[in-house]
N, C-alpha and C. Protein backbone atom coordinates (compact mmCIF):
# COMPACT_ATOMS: atom_id res chain seq x y z
N UNK A 1 0.80 -1.20 0.00
CA UNK A 1 0.00 0.00 0.00
C UNK A 1 0.85 1.27 0.00
N UNK A 2 2.14 1.13 0.18
CA UNK A 2 3.01 2.31 0.17
C UNK A 2 2.97 2.99 -1.19
N UNK A 3 2.82 2.20 -2.27
CA UNK A 3 2.81 2.78 -3.61
C UNK A 3 1.61 3.70 -3.78
N UNK A 4 0.49 3.36 -3.16
CA UNK A 4 -0.71 4.20 -3.22
C UNK A 4 -0.46 5.54 -2.54
N UNK A 5 0.27 5.53 -1.44
CA UNK A 5 0.62 6.77 -0.75
C UNK A 5 1.47 7.66 -1.64
N UNK A 6 2.48 7.10 -2.30
CA UNK A 6 3.38 7.91 -3.13
C UNK A 6 2.69 8.42 -4.40
N UNK A 7 1.77 7.65 -4.95
CA UNK A 7 0.98 8.14 -6.07
C UNK A 7 0.13 9.33 -5.61
N UNK A 8 -0.41 9.24 -4.40
CA UNK A 8 -1.18 10.35 -3.83
C UNK A 8 -0.34 11.59 -3.65
N UNK A 9 0.91 11.43 -3.22
CA UNK A 9 1.81 12.57 -3.06
C UNK A 9 2.05 13.25 -4.40
N UNK A 10 2.29 12.45 -5.44
CA UNK A 10 2.55 13.00 -6.77
C UNK A 10 1.32 13.75 -7.29
N UNK A 11 0.14 13.17 -7.14
CA UNK A 11 -1.10 13.82 -7.60
C UNK A 11 -1.36 15.10 -6.81
N UNK A 12 -1.10 15.08 -5.52
CA UNK A 12 -1.29 16.26 -4.69
C UNK A 12 -0.34 17.39 -5.12
N UNK A 13 0.92 17.07 -5.35
CA UNK A 13 1.89 18.08 -5.77
C UNK A 13 1.52 18.64 -7.15
N UNK A 14 1.10 17.78 -8.07
CA UNK A 14 0.68 18.26 -9.38
C UNK A 14 -0.56 19.16 -9.28
N UNK A 15 -1.47 18.83 -8.39
CA UNK A 15 -2.65 19.67 -8.18
C UNK A 15 -2.29 21.04 -7.63
N UNK A 16 -1.36 21.07 -6.69
CA UNK A 16 -0.92 22.36 -6.14
C UNK A 16 -0.16 23.17 -7.20
N UNK A 17 0.67 22.51 -7.99
CA UNK A 17 1.43 23.21 -9.04
C UNK A 17 0.51 23.74 -10.12
N UNK A 18 -0.58 23.05 -10.41
CA UNK A 18 -1.49 23.49 -11.46
C UNK A 18 -2.22 24.78 -11.08
N UNK A 19 -2.26 25.11 -9.80
CA UNK A 19 -2.86 26.37 -9.38
C UNK A 19 -1.97 27.56 -9.71
N UNK A 20 -0.66 27.33 -9.77
CA UNK A 20 0.30 28.42 -9.88
C UNK A 20 0.97 28.51 -11.25
N UNK A 21 1.38 27.36 -11.79
CA UNK A 21 2.19 27.34 -13.01
C UNK A 21 1.29 27.35 -14.24
N UNK A 22 1.46 28.35 -15.13
CA UNK A 22 0.67 28.37 -16.36
C UNK A 22 1.22 27.41 -17.40
N UNK A 23 0.36 26.97 -18.29
CA UNK A 23 0.75 26.10 -19.39
C UNK A 23 0.89 26.96 -20.64
N UNK A 24 2.06 26.95 -21.26
CA UNK A 24 2.32 27.77 -22.43
C UNK A 24 1.89 27.03 -23.69
N UNK A 25 1.16 27.73 -24.56
CA UNK A 25 0.70 27.14 -25.81
C UNK A 25 1.02 28.10 -26.95
N UNK A 26 1.56 27.59 -28.04
CA UNK A 26 1.92 28.40 -29.19
C UNK A 26 1.10 27.95 -30.39
N UNK A 27 0.52 28.92 -31.10
CA UNK A 27 -0.26 28.63 -32.29
C UNK A 27 0.34 29.35 -33.48
N UNK A 28 0.39 28.67 -34.61
CA UNK A 28 0.83 29.27 -35.86
C UNK A 28 -0.35 29.37 -36.81
N UNK A 29 -0.60 30.55 -37.31
CA UNK A 29 -1.67 30.77 -38.27
C UNK A 29 -1.08 31.54 -39.44
N UNK A 30 -1.48 31.19 -40.63
CA UNK A 30 -0.93 31.89 -41.76
C UNK A 30 -1.71 31.63 -43.04
N UNK A 31 -1.36 32.41 -44.05
CA UNK A 31 -1.95 32.24 -45.37
C UNK A 31 -0.83 32.16 -46.39
N UNK A 32 -1.14 31.53 -47.50
CA UNK A 32 -0.16 31.40 -48.56
C UNK A 32 -0.86 31.68 -49.87
N UNK A 33 -0.34 32.64 -50.61
CA UNK A 33 -0.91 33.01 -51.90
C UNK A 33 0.22 33.06 -52.91
N UNK A 34 0.33 32.02 -53.71
CA UNK A 34 1.41 31.96 -54.69
C UNK A 34 2.76 31.88 -53.99
N UNK A 35 3.70 32.74 -54.42
CA UNK A 35 5.02 32.71 -53.80
C UNK A 35 5.10 33.48 -52.48
N UNK A 36 4.03 34.14 -52.11
CA UNK A 36 4.02 34.96 -50.91
C UNK A 36 3.31 34.19 -49.79
N UNK A 37 3.94 34.16 -48.64
CA UNK A 37 3.29 33.55 -47.48
C UNK A 37 3.45 34.48 -46.28
N UNK A 38 2.45 34.44 -45.43
CA UNK A 38 2.45 35.29 -44.24
C UNK A 38 2.01 34.44 -43.06
N UNK A 39 2.75 34.51 -41.99
CA UNK A 39 2.46 33.68 -40.83
C UNK A 39 2.51 34.51 -39.56
N UNK A 40 1.57 34.22 -38.66
CA UNK A 40 1.51 34.90 -37.37
C UNK A 40 1.61 33.84 -36.29
N UNK A 41 2.48 34.08 -35.34
CA UNK A 41 2.66 33.14 -34.23
C UNK A 41 2.15 33.82 -32.96
N UNK A 42 1.21 33.15 -32.29
CA UNK A 42 0.66 33.69 -31.05
C UNK A 42 0.99 32.75 -29.90
N UNK A 43 1.25 33.33 -28.74
CA UNK A 43 1.57 32.55 -27.55
C UNK A 43 0.52 32.85 -26.48
N UNK A 44 0.05 31.79 -25.83
CA UNK A 44 -0.94 31.92 -24.78
C UNK A 44 -0.43 31.24 -23.52
N UNK A 45 -0.65 31.86 -22.38
CA UNK A 45 -0.38 31.24 -21.09
C UNK A 45 -1.73 30.96 -20.44
N UNK A 46 -2.04 29.69 -20.27
CA UNK A 46 -3.32 29.30 -19.69
C UNK A 46 -3.09 28.51 -18.41
N UNK A 47 -3.98 28.71 -17.46
CA UNK A 47 -3.93 27.93 -16.23
C UNK A 47 -5.04 26.89 -16.25
N UNK A 48 -4.81 25.83 -15.53
CA UNK A 48 -5.81 24.78 -15.40
C UNK A 48 -6.96 25.32 -14.55
N UNK A 49 -8.16 24.86 -14.84
CA UNK A 49 -9.34 25.29 -14.09
C UNK A 49 -9.16 25.00 -12.60
N UNK A 50 -9.57 25.92 -11.73
CA UNK A 50 -9.46 25.67 -10.29
C UNK A 50 -10.25 24.45 -9.83
N UNK A 51 -11.31 24.11 -10.54
CA UNK A 51 -12.10 22.93 -10.18
C UNK A 51 -11.28 21.66 -10.41
N UNK A 52 -10.55 21.63 -11.53
CA UNK A 52 -9.70 20.47 -11.83
C UNK A 52 -8.57 20.38 -10.81
N UNK A 53 -7.99 21.54 -10.46
CA UNK A 53 -6.92 21.57 -9.47
C UNK A 53 -7.42 21.07 -8.12
N UNK A 54 -8.60 21.51 -7.71
CA UNK A 54 -9.17 21.08 -6.44
C UNK A 54 -9.45 19.57 -6.45
N UNK A 55 -9.93 19.06 -7.58
CA UNK A 55 -10.18 17.62 -7.68
C UNK A 55 -8.88 16.83 -7.57
N UNK A 56 -7.81 17.34 -8.18
CA UNK A 56 -6.52 16.65 -8.08
C UNK A 56 -5.99 16.68 -6.65
N UNK A 57 -6.15 17.80 -5.96
CA UNK A 57 -5.68 17.92 -4.59
C UNK A 57 -6.46 16.96 -3.68
N UNK A 58 -7.77 16.94 -3.83
CA UNK A 58 -8.59 16.04 -3.00
C UNK A 58 -8.31 14.57 -3.30
N UNK A 59 -8.12 14.26 -4.57
CA UNK A 59 -7.80 12.87 -4.94
C UNK A 59 -6.45 12.46 -4.37
N UNK A 60 -5.46 13.35 -4.47
CA UNK A 60 -4.14 13.05 -3.91
C UNK A 60 -4.19 12.84 -2.41
N UNK A 61 -4.94 13.70 -1.72
CA UNK A 61 -5.07 13.55 -0.27
C UNK A 61 -5.78 12.24 0.08
N UNK A 62 -6.82 11.90 -0.69
CA UNK A 62 -7.52 10.64 -0.44
C UNK A 62 -6.64 9.43 -0.66
N UNK A 63 -5.82 9.47 -1.72
CA UNK A 63 -4.91 8.35 -1.97
C UNK A 63 -3.87 8.24 -0.88
N UNK A 64 -3.40 9.39 -0.36
CA UNK A 64 -2.43 9.35 0.72
C UNK A 64 -3.03 8.72 1.97
N UNK A 65 -4.27 9.08 2.29
CA UNK A 65 -4.93 8.51 3.47
C UNK A 65 -5.17 7.01 3.28
N UNK A 66 -5.61 6.64 2.06
CA UNK A 66 -5.85 5.23 1.79
C UNK A 66 -4.56 4.42 1.82
N UNK A 67 -3.46 5.03 1.39
CA UNK A 67 -2.18 4.34 1.39
C UNK A 67 -1.58 4.20 2.78
N UNK A 68 -1.97 5.04 3.71
CA UNK A 68 -1.43 4.99 5.08
C UNK A 68 -2.18 3.99 5.96
N UNK A 69 -3.39 3.61 5.57
CA UNK A 69 -4.17 2.68 6.38
C UNK A 69 -3.53 1.30 6.35
N UNK A 70 -3.53 0.66 7.50
CA UNK A 70 -2.96 -0.69 7.59
C UNK A 70 -4.04 -1.70 7.29
N UNK A 71 -3.69 -2.75 6.52
CA UNK A 71 -4.70 -3.76 6.15
C UNK A 71 -5.15 -4.61 7.31
């Protein structure tokens, strides 16, 4: 059951990090007409929804508690 505890720790840490660290996304959009091409690159920093982060934190805590229980 120790493995369940450590999986819970990892999920909990990822849930806490998702509240703070943004995810960077880059999009390329462009048009091409004959020999001429034009491209625009946009960058977005998005955060994970707080509901998803809360679910990850609660799941991690639950796995930690379940992993600490003795059979």
